[in-house]
N, C-alpha and C. Protein backbone atom coordinates (compact mmCIF):
# COMPACT_ATOMS: atom_id res chain seq x y z
N MET A 1 -88.60 -104.77 85.67
CA MET A 1 -89.90 -104.48 85.49
C MET A 1 -89.97 -102.86 85.06
N THR A 2 -90.84 -102.62 84.05
CA THR A 2 -90.88 -101.36 83.50
C THR A 2 -91.70 -100.29 84.50
N GLU A 3 -91.03 -99.22 84.82
CA GLU A 3 -91.81 -98.26 85.77
C GLU A 3 -92.98 -97.55 84.81
N LEU A 4 -94.07 -97.49 85.52
CA LEU A 4 -95.03 -96.94 84.54
C LEU A 4 -95.00 -95.45 84.57
N TYR A 5 -94.09 -94.86 85.15
CA TYR A 5 -93.86 -93.49 84.94
C TYR A 5 -92.45 -93.05 84.78
N SER A 6 -92.11 -92.49 83.60
CA SER A 6 -90.99 -91.73 83.39
C SER A 6 -91.24 -90.67 82.39
N GLU A 7 -90.31 -89.65 82.40
CA GLU A 7 -90.50 -88.43 81.54
C GLU A 7 -90.52 -88.73 80.12
N ARG A 8 -90.03 -90.08 79.68
CA ARG A 8 -89.94 -90.40 78.47
C ARG A 8 -91.35 -91.09 77.97
N LEU A 9 -91.92 -91.81 78.90
CA LEU A 9 -93.29 -92.37 78.79
C LEU A 9 -94.19 -91.26 78.80
N GLU A 10 -94.14 -90.37 79.67
CA GLU A 10 -95.05 -89.31 79.56
C GLU A 10 -94.89 -88.40 78.28
N LEU A 11 -93.80 -88.31 77.74
CA LEU A 11 -93.66 -87.63 76.49
C LEU A 11 -94.41 -88.54 75.35
N ALA A 12 -94.02 -89.94 75.41
CA ALA A 12 -94.64 -90.71 74.50
C ALA A 12 -96.16 -90.76 74.47
N LEU A 13 -96.69 -90.73 75.60
CA LEU A 13 -98.17 -90.61 75.88
C LEU A 13 -98.71 -89.12 75.28
N THR A 14 -98.14 -88.23 75.56
CA THR A 14 -98.43 -86.91 74.94
C THR A 14 -98.37 -86.80 73.62
N THR A 15 -97.31 -87.40 72.91
CA THR A 15 -97.09 -87.45 71.52
C THR A 15 -98.24 -88.46 70.84
N ALA A 16 -98.67 -89.47 71.48
CA ALA A 16 -99.82 -90.39 71.14
C ALA A 16 -101.04 -89.64 71.02
N LEU A 17 -101.36 -88.98 72.07
CA LEU A 17 -102.49 -87.98 72.24
C LEU A 17 -102.61 -87.04 71.07
N GLU A 18 -101.38 -86.35 70.96
CA GLU A 18 -101.51 -85.21 69.91
C GLU A 18 -101.51 -85.66 68.61
N ALA A 19 -101.00 -86.88 68.28
CA ALA A 19 -101.03 -87.58 66.94
C ALA A 19 -102.44 -88.13 66.68
N HIS A 20 -103.18 -88.80 67.68
CA HIS A 20 -104.37 -89.61 67.27
C HIS A 20 -105.56 -88.72 67.66
N GLY A 21 -105.28 -87.70 68.59
CA GLY A 21 -106.59 -86.86 68.81
C GLY A 21 -107.68 -87.86 69.59
N LEU A 22 -108.89 -87.54 69.20
CA LEU A 22 -110.12 -88.34 69.53
C LEU A 22 -110.85 -88.97 68.54
N ARG A 23 -110.09 -89.52 67.55
CA ARG A 23 -110.63 -90.31 66.37
C ARG A 23 -111.09 -91.69 66.88
N ARG A 24 -112.14 -92.12 66.47
CA ARG A 24 -112.68 -93.43 66.61
C ARG A 24 -112.03 -94.69 65.93
N ARG A 25 -112.06 -95.74 66.59
CA ARG A 25 -111.64 -97.10 65.90
C ARG A 25 -112.36 -97.45 64.86
N LYS A 26 -112.18 -98.54 64.09
CA LYS A 26 -112.92 -98.99 63.27
C LYS A 26 -114.37 -99.69 63.97
N ALA A 27 -115.45 -99.36 63.35
CA ALA A 27 -116.74 -99.99 63.84
C ALA A 27 -117.20 -99.08 65.15
N GLY A 28 -116.53 -97.86 65.20
CA GLY A 28 -116.87 -96.97 66.32
C GLY A 28 -116.73 -97.44 68.01
N ARG A 29 -116.00 -98.45 67.82
CA ARG A 29 -115.51 -99.11 69.42
C ARG A 29 -114.38 -98.49 69.89
N GLY A 30 -114.59 -97.35 70.74
CA GLY A 30 -113.58 -96.78 71.34
C GLY A 30 -112.61 -95.72 70.43
N PHE A 31 -111.74 -95.26 71.18
CA PHE A 31 -110.94 -94.25 70.52
C PHE A 31 -109.53 -94.98 70.14
N GLU A 32 -108.84 -94.41 69.11
CA GLU A 32 -107.48 -94.89 68.58
C GLU A 32 -106.44 -94.76 69.84
N VAL A 33 -106.63 -93.71 70.59
CA VAL A 33 -105.71 -93.39 71.58
C VAL A 33 -105.94 -94.34 72.83
N SER A 34 -107.16 -94.83 72.91
CA SER A 34 -107.40 -95.78 74.13
C SER A 34 -106.60 -97.11 73.76
N HIS A 35 -106.77 -97.47 72.28
CA HIS A 35 -106.04 -98.64 71.99
C HIS A 35 -104.67 -98.65 72.21
N VAL A 36 -103.92 -97.47 71.64
CA VAL A 36 -102.49 -97.43 71.99
C VAL A 36 -102.05 -97.54 73.61
N VAL A 37 -102.88 -96.95 74.22
CA VAL A 37 -102.54 -96.85 75.78
C VAL A 37 -102.69 -98.42 76.11
N SER A 38 -103.85 -98.98 75.77
CA SER A 38 -104.20 -100.49 76.19
C SER A 38 -102.93 -101.30 75.78
N VAL A 39 -102.41 -101.19 74.56
CA VAL A 39 -101.35 -102.00 74.04
C VAL A 39 -100.13 -101.71 74.86
N ALA A 40 -99.81 -100.51 75.23
CA ALA A 40 -98.63 -100.07 75.94
C ALA A 40 -98.84 -100.67 77.51
N LEU A 41 -99.96 -100.80 78.03
CA LEU A 41 -100.35 -101.17 79.35
C LEU A 41 -99.93 -102.84 79.30
N ILE A 42 -100.28 -103.53 78.21
CA ILE A 42 -100.15 -104.91 78.05
C ILE A 42 -98.70 -105.14 78.02
N THR A 43 -97.77 -104.30 77.27
CA THR A 43 -96.40 -104.70 77.29
C THR A 43 -95.88 -104.43 78.68
N ALA A 44 -96.29 -103.40 79.35
CA ALA A 44 -95.70 -103.22 80.67
C ALA A 44 -96.12 -104.17 81.59
N ASP A 45 -97.24 -104.90 81.46
CA ASP A 45 -97.59 -105.63 82.28
C ASP A 45 -96.81 -107.21 82.35
N PHE A 46 -96.15 -107.23 81.08
CA PHE A 46 -95.26 -108.37 80.88
C PHE A 46 -93.89 -107.96 81.17
N ASN A 47 -93.63 -106.89 81.72
CA ASN A 47 -92.29 -106.43 82.18
C ASN A 47 -91.23 -106.23 81.11
N LEU A 48 -91.78 -105.57 79.90
CA LEU A 48 -90.94 -105.51 78.76
C LEU A 48 -90.20 -104.10 78.91
N GLU A 49 -89.32 -103.86 78.35
CA GLU A 49 -88.33 -102.74 78.67
C GLU A 49 -89.05 -101.54 78.11
N GLU A 50 -88.60 -100.18 78.54
CA GLU A 50 -89.28 -98.89 78.41
C GLU A 50 -89.30 -98.54 76.97
N ASP A 51 -88.47 -98.84 76.05
CA ASP A 51 -88.51 -98.51 74.67
C ASP A 51 -89.65 -99.43 74.17
N THR A 52 -89.82 -100.51 74.65
CA THR A 52 -90.86 -101.33 74.02
C THR A 52 -92.24 -100.82 74.33
N VAL A 53 -92.56 -100.37 75.57
CA VAL A 53 -93.68 -99.71 76.00
C VAL A 53 -93.98 -98.43 75.20
N ILE A 54 -92.79 -97.59 74.95
CA ILE A 54 -93.08 -96.48 74.14
C ILE A 54 -93.42 -96.74 72.86
N ALA A 55 -92.79 -97.82 72.14
CA ALA A 55 -93.04 -98.05 70.82
C ALA A 55 -94.43 -98.49 70.76
N ALA A 56 -95.01 -99.10 71.87
CA ALA A 56 -96.34 -99.66 71.76
C ALA A 56 -97.30 -98.41 71.81
N LEU A 57 -97.09 -97.51 72.53
CA LEU A 57 -97.84 -96.14 72.69
C LEU A 57 -97.92 -95.50 71.28
N LEU A 58 -96.69 -95.73 70.29
CA LEU A 58 -96.52 -95.03 69.11
C LEU A 58 -96.82 -95.85 68.07
N HIS A 59 -97.21 -97.14 68.29
CA HIS A 59 -97.24 -98.16 67.19
C HIS A 59 -98.16 -97.84 66.21
N ASP A 60 -99.26 -97.28 66.22
CA ASP A 60 -100.02 -96.91 65.12
C ASP A 60 -99.86 -95.40 64.54
N THR A 61 -98.88 -94.71 64.97
CA THR A 61 -98.74 -93.27 64.60
C THR A 61 -98.44 -93.23 63.05
N LEU A 62 -97.53 -94.09 62.68
CA LEU A 62 -96.99 -93.85 61.42
C LEU A 62 -98.19 -94.52 60.35
N GLU A 63 -99.01 -95.29 60.83
CA GLU A 63 -100.03 -95.95 59.96
C GLU A 63 -101.34 -95.03 59.84
N ASP A 64 -101.60 -94.49 61.02
CA ASP A 64 -103.02 -93.74 61.15
C ASP A 64 -103.04 -92.20 61.35
N THR A 65 -101.77 -91.49 61.43
CA THR A 65 -101.67 -90.15 61.75
C THR A 65 -100.56 -89.55 60.77
N ASP A 66 -100.46 -88.34 60.92
CA ASP A 66 -99.55 -87.72 60.03
C ASP A 66 -97.99 -87.41 60.74
N LEU A 67 -97.87 -88.03 62.00
CA LEU A 67 -96.75 -88.02 62.84
C LEU A 67 -95.42 -88.53 61.94
N ALA A 68 -94.50 -87.67 61.87
CA ALA A 68 -93.35 -87.97 60.93
C ALA A 68 -92.35 -88.91 61.62
N THR A 69 -91.65 -89.77 60.84
CA THR A 69 -90.62 -90.60 61.56
C THR A 69 -89.40 -89.82 62.13
N ASP A 70 -89.15 -88.66 61.54
CA ASP A 70 -88.05 -87.80 62.23
C ASP A 70 -88.38 -87.35 63.72
N VAL A 71 -89.81 -87.25 64.05
CA VAL A 71 -90.21 -86.75 65.32
C VAL A 71 -90.09 -87.94 66.22
N ILE A 72 -90.35 -89.02 65.75
CA ILE A 72 -90.16 -90.15 66.65
C ILE A 72 -88.76 -90.50 66.89
N GLU A 73 -87.95 -90.42 65.99
CA GLU A 73 -86.43 -90.44 66.10
C GLU A 73 -85.84 -89.59 67.17
N SER A 74 -86.25 -88.27 66.85
CA SER A 74 -85.56 -87.16 67.65
C SER A 74 -86.13 -87.20 69.09
N ARG A 75 -87.41 -87.64 69.27
CA ARG A 75 -87.76 -87.65 70.79
C ARG A 75 -87.48 -88.94 71.46
N PHE A 76 -87.33 -90.24 70.67
CA PHE A 76 -87.31 -91.52 71.39
C PHE A 76 -86.09 -92.22 70.86
N GLY A 77 -85.58 -91.82 69.69
CA GLY A 77 -84.20 -92.67 69.25
C GLY A 77 -84.49 -93.61 68.28
N VAL A 78 -83.60 -94.03 67.60
CA VAL A 78 -83.73 -94.88 66.48
C VAL A 78 -84.22 -96.19 66.75
N HIS A 79 -83.92 -96.74 67.91
CA HIS A 79 -84.45 -98.02 68.34
C HIS A 79 -86.10 -98.04 68.37
N VAL A 80 -86.65 -97.18 68.94
CA VAL A 80 -88.09 -97.06 69.09
C VAL A 80 -88.66 -96.67 67.61
N LEU A 81 -88.15 -95.89 66.74
CA LEU A 81 -88.64 -95.63 65.44
C LEU A 81 -88.48 -96.86 64.76
N GLU A 82 -87.47 -97.71 64.82
CA GLU A 82 -87.31 -99.01 64.09
C GLU A 82 -88.55 -100.10 64.51
N MET A 83 -88.61 -100.07 65.85
CA MET A 83 -89.86 -101.03 66.46
C MET A 83 -91.10 -100.50 65.87
N VAL A 84 -91.35 -99.14 65.75
CA VAL A 84 -92.72 -98.66 65.32
C VAL A 84 -92.91 -98.81 63.69
N GLN A 85 -91.69 -98.82 63.04
CA GLN A 85 -91.83 -99.20 61.42
C GLN A 85 -91.92 -100.54 61.33
N ASP A 86 -91.41 -101.44 62.28
CA ASP A 86 -91.62 -102.99 62.09
C ASP A 86 -93.25 -103.39 62.21
N VAL A 87 -93.89 -102.71 63.06
CA VAL A 87 -95.05 -102.95 63.27
C VAL A 87 -96.14 -102.03 62.61
N THR A 88 -95.79 -101.36 61.61
CA THR A 88 -96.49 -100.48 60.76
C THR A 88 -97.07 -101.23 59.57
N GLU A 89 -98.29 -101.40 59.35
CA GLU A 89 -98.75 -102.08 58.03
C GLU A 89 -98.46 -101.10 56.94
N PRO A 90 -98.53 -101.71 55.81
CA PRO A 90 -98.34 -101.19 54.60
C PRO A 90 -99.51 -100.17 54.29
N PRO A 91 -99.56 -99.21 53.37
CA PRO A 91 -100.52 -98.29 53.15
C PRO A 91 -101.93 -99.00 52.91
N LYS A 92 -102.99 -98.30 53.13
CA LYS A 92 -104.51 -98.98 53.13
C LYS A 92 -104.75 -99.00 51.65
N ASP A 93 -104.07 -98.24 50.67
CA ASP A 93 -104.54 -98.30 49.29
C ASP A 93 -104.17 -99.75 48.56
N ILE A 94 -103.27 -100.53 49.38
CA ILE A 94 -102.83 -101.94 49.02
C ILE A 94 -104.04 -102.93 49.39
N PRO A 95 -104.43 -103.79 48.50
CA PRO A 95 -105.51 -104.82 48.80
C PRO A 95 -105.10 -105.51 50.21
N TRP A 96 -106.15 -105.65 50.92
CA TRP A 96 -106.21 -106.20 52.41
C TRP A 96 -105.27 -107.41 52.49
N HIS A 97 -105.46 -108.39 51.59
CA HIS A 97 -104.46 -109.76 51.74
C HIS A 97 -103.27 -109.21 51.54
N ASP A 98 -102.79 -108.52 50.51
CA ASP A 98 -101.37 -108.15 50.31
C ASP A 98 -100.91 -107.33 51.58
N ARG A 99 -101.61 -106.40 52.02
CA ARG A 99 -101.18 -105.64 53.20
C ARG A 99 -100.86 -106.61 54.44
N LYS A 100 -101.81 -107.36 54.57
CA LYS A 100 -101.61 -108.31 55.78
C LYS A 100 -100.48 -109.17 55.64
N ASN A 101 -100.31 -109.93 54.25
CA ASN A 101 -99.10 -110.67 53.88
C ASN A 101 -97.73 -110.00 54.17
N ARG A 102 -97.67 -108.87 53.68
CA ARG A 102 -96.54 -107.74 53.99
C ARG A 102 -96.26 -107.60 55.53
N TYR A 103 -97.34 -107.39 56.30
CA TYR A 103 -97.12 -107.13 57.63
C TYR A 103 -96.45 -108.51 58.17
N ILE A 104 -97.07 -109.63 57.95
CA ILE A 104 -96.51 -110.87 58.61
C ILE A 104 -94.97 -111.12 57.97
N GLU A 105 -94.63 -110.72 56.83
CA GLU A 105 -93.30 -110.76 56.38
C GLU A 105 -92.49 -109.91 57.28
N GLN A 106 -92.94 -108.76 57.61
CA GLN A 106 -92.07 -107.81 58.35
C GLN A 106 -91.89 -108.45 59.81
N LEU A 107 -92.91 -109.12 60.28
CA LEU A 107 -92.77 -109.78 61.46
C LEU A 107 -91.61 -110.93 61.37
N ARG A 108 -91.53 -111.58 60.32
CA ARG A 108 -90.98 -112.63 59.93
C ARG A 108 -89.13 -112.22 60.02
N THR A 109 -89.22 -110.98 59.64
CA THR A 109 -87.69 -110.56 59.36
C THR A 109 -87.10 -109.52 60.18
N THR A 110 -87.90 -109.00 61.25
CA THR A 110 -87.39 -107.92 62.08
C THR A 110 -86.37 -108.66 63.03
N PRO A 111 -85.15 -108.17 63.28
CA PRO A 111 -84.33 -108.58 64.34
C PRO A 111 -84.56 -108.25 65.88
N ARG A 112 -85.63 -107.42 65.82
CA ARG A 112 -86.13 -106.80 67.13
C ARG A 112 -87.06 -107.44 67.87
N GLN A 113 -86.83 -108.12 68.96
CA GLN A 113 -87.82 -108.69 69.85
C GLN A 113 -88.90 -107.80 70.43
N GLY A 114 -88.53 -106.59 70.61
CA GLY A 114 -89.43 -105.49 70.99
C GLY A 114 -90.76 -105.40 70.06
N SER A 115 -90.29 -105.48 68.91
CA SER A 115 -91.32 -105.41 67.76
C SER A 115 -92.13 -106.42 67.85
N LEU A 116 -91.67 -107.65 68.20
CA LEU A 116 -92.70 -108.83 68.18
C LEU A 116 -93.69 -108.81 69.40
N ALA A 117 -92.90 -108.24 70.35
CA ALA A 117 -93.82 -108.00 71.69
C ALA A 117 -94.87 -107.00 71.50
N VAL A 118 -94.43 -105.82 70.73
CA VAL A 118 -95.73 -104.68 70.47
C VAL A 118 -96.71 -105.46 69.41
N ALA A 119 -96.24 -106.20 68.59
CA ALA A 119 -97.20 -106.88 67.59
C ALA A 119 -98.17 -107.77 68.25
N SER A 120 -97.60 -108.65 69.41
CA SER A 120 -98.46 -109.45 70.05
C SER A 120 -99.35 -108.79 70.89
N ALA A 121 -99.04 -107.67 71.68
CA ALA A 121 -99.79 -106.86 72.49
C ALA A 121 -101.09 -106.21 71.64
N ASP A 122 -100.59 -105.86 70.61
CA ASP A 122 -101.61 -105.16 69.59
C ASP A 122 -102.58 -106.04 69.39
N LYS A 123 -102.22 -107.43 68.90
CA LYS A 123 -103.11 -108.33 68.55
C LYS A 123 -103.97 -108.77 69.75
N ILE A 124 -103.38 -108.86 70.98
CA ILE A 124 -104.20 -109.11 72.14
C ILE A 124 -105.37 -108.23 72.19
N HIS A 125 -104.99 -107.05 72.23
CA HIS A 125 -106.15 -106.09 72.42
C HIS A 125 -107.06 -106.04 71.30
N ASN A 126 -106.61 -106.17 70.09
CA ASN A 126 -107.42 -106.21 68.78
C ASN A 126 -108.50 -107.29 68.97
N LEU A 127 -107.89 -108.32 69.32
CA LEU A 127 -108.78 -109.65 69.40
C LEU A 127 -109.81 -109.44 70.64
N SER A 128 -109.47 -109.10 71.65
CA SER A 128 -110.26 -108.88 72.82
C SER A 128 -111.48 -107.90 72.38
N ARG A 129 -111.22 -106.90 71.74
CA ARG A 129 -112.13 -106.02 71.37
C ARG A 129 -113.02 -106.44 70.49
N MET A 130 -112.55 -107.46 69.44
CA MET A 130 -113.32 -108.02 68.33
C MET A 130 -114.19 -109.09 68.77
N THR A 131 -113.56 -109.67 69.90
CA THR A 131 -114.29 -110.77 70.53
C THR A 131 -115.62 -110.17 71.32
N ALA A 132 -115.35 -108.92 71.89
CA ALA A 132 -116.44 -108.29 72.57
C ALA A 132 -117.42 -107.59 71.47
N GLY A 133 -116.79 -107.26 70.45
CA GLY A 133 -117.82 -106.73 69.35
C GLY A 133 -118.77 -107.75 68.70
N ILE A 134 -118.20 -108.95 68.57
CA ILE A 134 -118.98 -110.05 68.11
C ILE A 134 -120.09 -110.41 69.13
N SER A 135 -119.53 -110.41 70.33
CA SER A 135 -120.53 -110.80 71.38
C SER A 135 -121.64 -109.86 71.73
N ASP A 136 -121.37 -108.56 71.48
CA ASP A 136 -122.50 -107.48 71.60
C ASP A 136 -123.17 -107.34 70.28
N GLN A 137 -122.70 -107.21 69.23
CA GLN A 137 -123.34 -106.81 68.11
C GLN A 137 -123.48 -107.88 66.99
N GLY A 138 -122.87 -108.97 67.19
CA GLY A 138 -122.99 -110.04 66.32
C GLY A 138 -122.59 -109.77 64.83
N GLN A 139 -123.25 -110.15 63.70
CA GLN A 139 -122.76 -110.06 62.45
C GLN A 139 -122.61 -108.67 61.98
N SER A 140 -123.39 -107.56 62.51
CA SER A 140 -123.41 -106.32 62.26
C SER A 140 -122.02 -105.73 62.57
N PHE A 141 -121.24 -106.30 63.57
CA PHE A 141 -119.89 -105.86 63.94
C PHE A 141 -118.99 -106.28 62.94
N ILE A 142 -119.13 -107.62 62.45
CA ILE A 142 -118.23 -108.11 61.39
C ILE A 142 -118.35 -107.41 60.27
N ASN A 143 -119.62 -106.88 59.75
CA ASN A 143 -119.87 -106.20 58.53
C ASN A 143 -118.99 -104.89 58.42
N ALA A 144 -118.57 -104.40 59.39
CA ALA A 144 -117.89 -103.21 59.42
C ALA A 144 -116.51 -103.25 58.98
N PHE A 145 -115.99 -104.41 58.76
CA PHE A 145 -114.58 -104.79 58.50
C PHE A 145 -114.54 -105.22 57.08
N THR A 146 -113.20 -104.79 56.26
CA THR A 146 -113.05 -105.06 54.97
C THR A 146 -113.09 -106.48 54.64
N ALA A 147 -112.37 -107.28 55.44
CA ALA A 147 -112.34 -108.78 55.27
C ALA A 147 -113.51 -109.52 55.98
N GLY A 148 -113.59 -110.72 55.42
CA GLY A 148 -114.55 -111.51 56.07
C GLY A 148 -113.96 -112.17 57.32
N ILE A 149 -115.03 -112.70 58.06
CA ILE A 149 -114.46 -113.40 59.44
C ILE A 149 -113.55 -114.44 59.32
N THR A 150 -113.79 -115.34 58.05
CA THR A 150 -112.55 -116.40 57.95
C THR A 150 -111.27 -115.68 57.59
N ASP A 151 -111.34 -114.73 56.86
CA ASP A 151 -110.03 -114.18 56.44
C ASP A 151 -109.31 -113.74 57.61
N MET A 152 -109.96 -112.94 58.47
CA MET A 152 -109.77 -112.28 59.88
C MET A 152 -108.93 -113.29 60.71
N SER A 153 -109.71 -114.25 60.78
CA SER A 153 -109.38 -115.56 61.79
C SER A 153 -108.20 -116.15 61.20
N ARG A 154 -108.06 -116.31 59.94
CA ARG A 154 -106.88 -116.98 59.30
C ARG A 154 -105.52 -116.08 59.62
N TYR A 155 -105.74 -114.61 59.33
CA TYR A 155 -104.80 -113.77 59.62
C TYR A 155 -104.31 -113.76 60.95
N HIS A 156 -105.20 -113.79 61.86
CA HIS A 156 -104.71 -113.81 63.36
C HIS A 156 -103.94 -114.96 63.69
N GLN A 157 -104.49 -116.13 63.37
CA GLN A 157 -103.64 -117.23 63.56
C GLN A 157 -102.38 -117.24 62.68
N ASN A 158 -102.13 -116.78 61.59
CA ASN A 158 -101.03 -116.69 61.02
C ASN A 158 -100.08 -115.75 61.63
N VAL A 159 -100.42 -114.52 62.19
CA VAL A 159 -99.64 -113.66 63.05
C VAL A 159 -99.05 -114.39 64.11
N HIS A 160 -100.03 -115.15 64.99
CA HIS A 160 -99.46 -115.90 66.05
C HIS A 160 -98.46 -116.89 65.70
N GLU A 161 -98.76 -117.63 64.78
CA GLU A 161 -97.72 -118.65 64.36
C GLU A 161 -96.50 -118.02 64.10
N THR A 162 -96.45 -117.00 63.23
CA THR A 162 -95.22 -116.19 63.02
C THR A 162 -94.48 -115.77 64.20
N LEU A 163 -95.19 -115.21 65.03
CA LEU A 163 -94.56 -114.61 66.34
C LEU A 163 -94.05 -115.84 67.35
N SER A 164 -94.72 -116.97 67.24
CA SER A 164 -94.32 -117.97 68.23
C SER A 164 -93.17 -118.80 67.52
N SER A 165 -93.02 -118.75 66.13
CA SER A 165 -91.81 -119.35 65.50
C SER A 165 -90.57 -118.62 65.66
N ARG A 166 -90.61 -117.35 65.88
CA ARG A 166 -89.51 -116.51 66.04
C ARG A 166 -88.96 -116.19 67.47
N TRP A 167 -89.89 -116.42 68.53
CA TRP A 167 -89.57 -115.97 69.99
C TRP A 167 -90.36 -116.64 70.96
N ASN A 168 -89.85 -116.95 71.92
CA ASN A 168 -90.59 -117.52 73.17
C ASN A 168 -90.80 -116.62 74.48
N HIS A 169 -91.90 -116.28 74.38
CA HIS A 169 -92.07 -115.25 75.55
C HIS A 169 -93.36 -115.47 76.17
N THR A 170 -93.73 -115.25 77.50
CA THR A 170 -95.09 -115.57 78.16
C THR A 170 -96.38 -114.80 77.51
N ILE A 171 -95.86 -113.37 76.87
CA ILE A 171 -97.14 -112.82 76.20
C ILE A 171 -97.59 -113.54 75.05
N LEU A 172 -97.08 -114.74 74.62
CA LEU A 172 -97.59 -115.35 73.59
C LEU A 172 -98.74 -116.45 74.07
N ALA A 173 -98.68 -116.77 75.26
CA ALA A 173 -99.63 -117.46 75.92
C ALA A 173 -100.84 -116.79 75.98
N ALA A 174 -100.69 -115.42 76.32
CA ALA A 174 -101.90 -114.61 76.37
C ALA A 174 -102.43 -114.41 75.09
N HIS A 175 -101.72 -113.99 74.25
CA HIS A 175 -102.12 -113.90 72.82
C HIS A 175 -102.89 -115.29 72.24
N ARG A 176 -102.40 -116.39 72.70
CA ARG A 176 -103.15 -117.58 72.18
C ARG A 176 -104.39 -117.62 72.87
N ARG A 177 -104.44 -117.30 74.09
CA ARG A 177 -105.82 -117.45 74.82
C ARG A 177 -106.71 -116.36 74.24
N GLU A 178 -106.37 -115.25 73.85
CA GLU A 178 -107.19 -114.18 73.24
C GLU A 178 -107.72 -114.65 71.90
N LEU A 179 -106.68 -115.26 71.06
CA LEU A 179 -106.98 -115.91 69.90
C LEU A 179 -108.14 -116.89 69.94
N ASP A 180 -108.12 -117.92 70.82
CA ASP A 180 -108.99 -118.92 71.21
C ASP A 180 -110.40 -118.45 71.47
N ARG A 181 -110.40 -117.50 72.38
CA ARG A 181 -111.79 -116.77 72.66
C ARG A 181 -112.21 -116.09 71.37
N PHE A 182 -111.60 -115.50 70.64
CA PHE A 182 -112.00 -114.86 69.21
C PHE A 182 -112.58 -116.08 68.37
N ILE A 183 -111.89 -117.13 68.29
CA ILE A 183 -112.21 -118.24 67.32
C ILE A 183 -113.65 -118.85 67.98
N GLY A 184 -113.75 -118.76 69.36
CA GLY A 184 -114.87 -119.42 70.11
C GLY A 184 -115.92 -118.43 69.76
N ALA A 185 -115.79 -117.09 69.69
CA ALA A 185 -117.02 -116.10 69.56
C ALA A 185 -117.47 -116.39 68.02
N ILE A 186 -116.34 -116.48 67.09
CA ILE A 186 -116.78 -116.64 65.65
C ILE A 186 -117.63 -117.93 65.59
N GLY A 187 -117.30 -118.98 66.31
CA GLY A 187 -118.06 -120.23 66.16
C GLY A 187 -119.52 -120.05 66.71
N GLN A 188 -119.61 -119.43 67.91
CA GLN A 188 -121.00 -119.02 68.45
C GLN A 188 -121.76 -118.16 67.51
N LEU A 189 -121.26 -117.19 66.88
CA LEU A 189 -121.96 -116.48 65.86
C LEU A 189 -122.26 -117.43 64.64
N SER A 190 -121.58 -118.24 64.25
CA SER A 190 -121.93 -119.18 63.23
C SER A 190 -123.23 -120.08 63.45
N GLU A 191 -123.19 -120.42 64.71
CA GLU A 191 -124.38 -121.25 65.05
C GLU A 191 -125.61 -120.57 65.03
N THR A 192 -125.56 -119.14 65.25
CA THR A 192 -126.84 -118.34 65.44
C THR A 192 -127.30 -117.97 63.90
N LEU A 193 -126.61 -118.24 62.94
CA LEU A 193 -126.86 -117.75 61.71
C LEU A 193 -127.56 -118.77 60.70
């Protein structure tokens, strides 16, 4: 079981806080740093190793902040850096579909199970927040995203299928439950339109 406190975890939390600051997430629902902490707690809840929890805390730093790869490597080692790189989406100037397909390809090819765990925990939290956003705000929540609801649903199903084809872990059952809740919320939203 991962201890919820160590000097490395505290340094990772501090690094994430410094990198993300108080920037809000898409659609203004929460802060980036609350997301990465939630993802880290999900990985810890599934008793994943400390490096995986640290990678979860840092998983959006290369994508969303100016934190350099050498900082991650010098503070946490090459294994953590590689996991963070595995779950970092390509740059946002690449079209949405291409970016998501490249991300799925990264998940297909990584040799690191910790990366798959971070990806699954990330999607669990994203799906739970999107389900809550749909329930609270309906279509106006969906309108804040680049992709349409059908594309988002298909993408999340493809991520889950990719992870499930590569790895067998109990976190994937939680991921599936959250995906099913999201699909159910989409169905309820469609009925009201």
